[in-house]
């Protein structure tokens, strides 16, 4: 959903402000053009108030209710390393609204990531690791409405003796 207005000044040349409240966000957004993506199906309320910055008077107010159905933005978060050895590293994360997850790995300090695989569950085991090497991973969800944002990045060393979390 996007609100946009071309006017930046009131008729008295004062600047206009655009606070926008979404029922699923704890703090209002603001700007002449505000975009918001809902992460789950449901009914939401939102309101936009245009205010004169000099007089603090309300120029215009609009309140709406929207029902989001069908495709929503897929998510992947809280990526963690659940186990690591000299021969494999297992990752897990929290995900929703995704049909699959693309797994990305870097073996050069995060300078370059490559997609190494895709899976439909919220865990993945990388069996193509070398003992003593350090790897960075992140996950990107995909769904019926496209891709979501990448997860956090985790760094882990493939070690024969213990799980060694670098960050």
Protein backbone atom coordinates (compact mmCIF):
# COMPACT_ATOMS: atom_id res chain seq x y z
CA UNK A 1 0.00 0.00 0.00
CA UNK A 2 1.34 3.44 -0.89
CA UNK A 3 0.13 6.94 0.04
CA UNK A 4 1.46 9.74 -2.15
CA UNK A 5 0.75 13.45 -2.42
CA UNK A 6 2.26 15.90 -4.86
CA UNK A 7 1.66 18.98 -2.69
CA UNK A 8 4.52 20.00 -0.40
CA UNK A 9 3.16 23.39 0.65
CA UNK A 10 -0.18 24.74 1.86
CA UNK A 11 -1.71 27.77 0.13
CA UNK A 12 0.08 30.02 2.68
CA UNK A 13 3.47 28.54 1.61
CA UNK A 14 3.83 26.57 4.87
CA UNK A 15 5.23 23.05 4.70
CA UNK A 16 2.87 20.09 5.01
CA UNK A 17 3.61 16.99 7.11
CA UNK A 18 2.13 13.55 6.53
CA UNK A 19 1.98 11.35 9.65
CA UNK A 20 0.50 7.97 8.76
CA UNK A 21 -0.61 5.41 11.35
CA UNK A 22 -0.82 1.67 10.58
CA UNK A 23 -2.57 -0.56 13.14
CA UNK A 24 0.15 -3.25 12.84
CA UNK A 25 3.06 -0.85 13.51
CA UNK A 26 3.97 0.56 16.94
CA UNK A 27 5.06 3.98 15.63
CA UNK A 28 3.62 6.19 12.87
CA UNK A 29 5.35 6.54 9.52
CA UNK A 30 5.75 9.96 7.96
CA UNK A 31 6.53 11.39 4.56
CA UNK A 32 4.97 12.71 1.41
CA UNK A 33 5.05 9.18 0.01
CA UNK A 34 4.66 6.29 2.47
CA UNK A 35 4.76 2.62 1.50
CA UNK A 36 3.77 -0.20 3.83
CA UNK A 37 3.77 -3.96 3.24
CA UNK A 38 1.63 -6.22 5.40
CA UNK A 39 3.35 -9.44 6.46
CA UNK A 40 0.23 -11.49 7.20
CA UNK A 41 -3.35 -11.81 6.03
CA UNK A 42 -5.92 -9.98 8.17
CA UNK A 43 -7.87 -6.76 8.56
CA UNK A 44 -5.90 -3.61 9.30
CA UNK A 45 -6.74 0.03 9.97
CA UNK A 46 -4.69 2.96 8.77
CA UNK A 47 -5.04 6.70 8.78
CA UNK A 48 -3.31 9.60 7.11
CA UNK A 49 -3.37 13.13 8.48
CA UNK A 50 -2.00 16.07 6.51
CA UNK A 51 -0.86 18.84 8.87
CA UNK A 52 0.29 22.41 8.32
CA UNK A 53 3.73 22.61 9.96
CA UNK A 54 3.42 26.32 10.87
CA UNK A 55 -0.05 26.38 12.42
CA UNK A 56 -0.10 22.67 13.36
CA UNK A 57 -3.63 22.64 11.96
CA UNK A 58 -5.03 19.54 10.33
CA UNK A 59 -5.49 20.13 6.60
CA UNK A 60 -7.00 16.73 5.80
CA UNK A 61 -7.60 13.37 7.48
CA UNK A 62 -8.50 10.02 5.96
CA UNK A 63 -9.06 6.72 7.77
CA UNK A 64 -9.50 3.34 6.12
CA UNK A 65 -9.73 -0.35 6.82
CA UNK A 66 -8.11 -2.88 4.52
CA UNK A 67 -8.41 -6.66 4.41
CA UNK A 68 -5.30 -8.45 3.18
CA UNK A 69 -5.97 -11.87 1.68
CA UNK A 70 -4.03 -14.31 -0.43
CA UNK A 71 -0.36 -13.73 -1.04
CA UNK A 72 1.64 -11.96 1.63
CA UNK A 73 5.34 -11.18 2.01
CA UNK A 74 7.32 -14.29 3.02
CA UNK A 75 9.68 -13.94 5.97
CA UNK A 76 12.81 -15.64 7.31
CA UNK A 77 14.35 -14.51 10.61
CA UNK A 78 16.27 -15.71 13.66
CA UNK A 79 18.77 -17.73 11.59
CA UNK A 80 20.93 -19.83 13.93
CA UNK A 81 23.50 -22.61 13.67
CA UNK A 82 22.11 -25.71 15.39
CA UNK A 83 25.16 -27.92 14.87
CA UNK A 84 28.56 -27.89 13.22
CA UNK A 85 31.23 -30.50 12.60
CA UNK A 86 34.19 -31.00 10.28
CA UNK A 87 31.84 -32.36 7.60
CA UNK A 88 28.56 -30.47 7.95
CA UNK A 89 26.83 -27.37 9.32
CA UNK A 90 23.13 -27.34 10.18
CA UNK A 91 21.10 -24.12 10.14
CA UNK A 92 17.58 -23.35 11.33
CA UNK A 93 15.37 -20.27 11.22
CA UNK A 94 11.85 -18.99 11.75
CA UNK A 95 9.84 -18.52 8.58
CA UNK A 96 6.32 -17.78 7.44
CA UNK A 97 4.35 -17.44 4.20
CA UNK A 98 7.23 -18.92 2.17
CA UNK A 99 7.01 -21.66 -0.42
CA UNK A 100 10.78 -22.16 -0.30
CA UNK A 101 13.99 -20.68 1.09
CA UNK A 102 17.19 -19.94 -0.81
CA UNK A 103 20.37 -20.61 1.17
CA UNK A 104 23.37 -18.31 0.58
CA UNK A 105 26.93 -18.98 1.74
CA UNK A 106 30.21 -17.09 1.76
CA UNK A 107 33.62 -18.58 2.44
CA UNK A 108 35.55 -15.31 2.10
CA UNK A 109 34.50 -13.26 5.12
CA UNK A 110 31.17 -12.22 3.63
CA UNK A 111 32.71 -10.43 0.65
CA UNK A 112 30.80 -12.60 -1.84
CA UNK A 113 27.77 -14.82 -1.20
CA UNK A 114 26.50 -17.49 -3.60
CA UNK A 115 23.21 -19.38 -3.58
CA UNK A 116 24.10 -22.96 -2.61
CA UNK A 117 20.67 -24.57 -2.41
CA UNK A 118 16.93 -24.16 -1.90
CA UNK A 119 14.65 -25.99 0.52
CA UNK A 120 11.03 -25.97 1.68
CA UNK A 121 11.64 -26.52 5.41
CA UNK A 122 13.05 -24.10 8.00
CA UNK A 123 16.28 -26.02 8.45
CA UNK A 124 19.15 -26.93 6.16
CA UNK A 125 22.32 -29.01 6.42
CA UNK A 126 25.35 -27.97 4.37
CA UNK A 127 27.46 -31.07 3.78
CA UNK A 128 29.96 -29.41 1.45
CA UNK A 129 32.18 -27.81 4.10
CA UNK A 130 35.89 -28.14 4.85
CA UNK A 131 37.17 -28.67 8.40
CA UNK A 132 38.77 -25.52 9.80
CA UNK A 133 37.04 -23.21 7.30
CA UNK A 134 34.75 -20.36 8.36
CA UNK A 135 31.46 -19.78 6.54
CA UNK A 136 28.79 -17.08 6.58
CA UNK A 137 25.16 -17.86 5.77
CA UNK A 138 21.86 -16.09 5.21
CA UNK A 139 18.43 -17.22 3.97
CA UNK A 140 16.01 -15.52 1.56
CA UNK A 141 12.37 -16.66 1.53
CA UNK A 142 10.28 -16.87 -1.64
CA UNK A 143 6.50 -17.02 -1.87
CA UNK A 144 3.59 -16.57 -4.22
CA UNK A 145 4.03 -12.78 -4.22
CA UNK A 146 7.80 -12.85 -4.74
CA UNK A 147 10.78 -12.80 -2.43
CA UNK A 148 11.07 -11.48 1.07
CA UNK A 149 13.99 -9.83 2.82
CA UNK A 150 17.09 -11.79 3.68
CA UNK A 151 17.51 -13.14 7.20
CA UNK A 152 20.27 -12.17 9.58
CA UNK A 153 23.74 -13.49 8.76
CA UNK A 154 25.47 -16.12 10.90
CA UNK A 155 29.15 -17.01 10.90
CA UNK A 156 30.39 -20.47 11.87
CA UNK A 157 33.56 -22.52 11.67
CA UNK A 158 33.44 -26.15 10.54
CA UNK A 159 35.31 -27.87 13.34
CA UNK A 160 35.78 -31.51 14.33
CA UNK A 161 35.59 -30.93 18.07
CA UNK A 162 32.88 -28.41 18.92
CA UNK A 163 30.44 -25.84 17.63
CA UNK A 164 32.41 -22.63 17.22
CA UNK A 165 30.14 -19.60 16.76
CA UNK A 166 32.17 -16.67 15.46
CA UNK A 167 29.32 -14.14 15.59
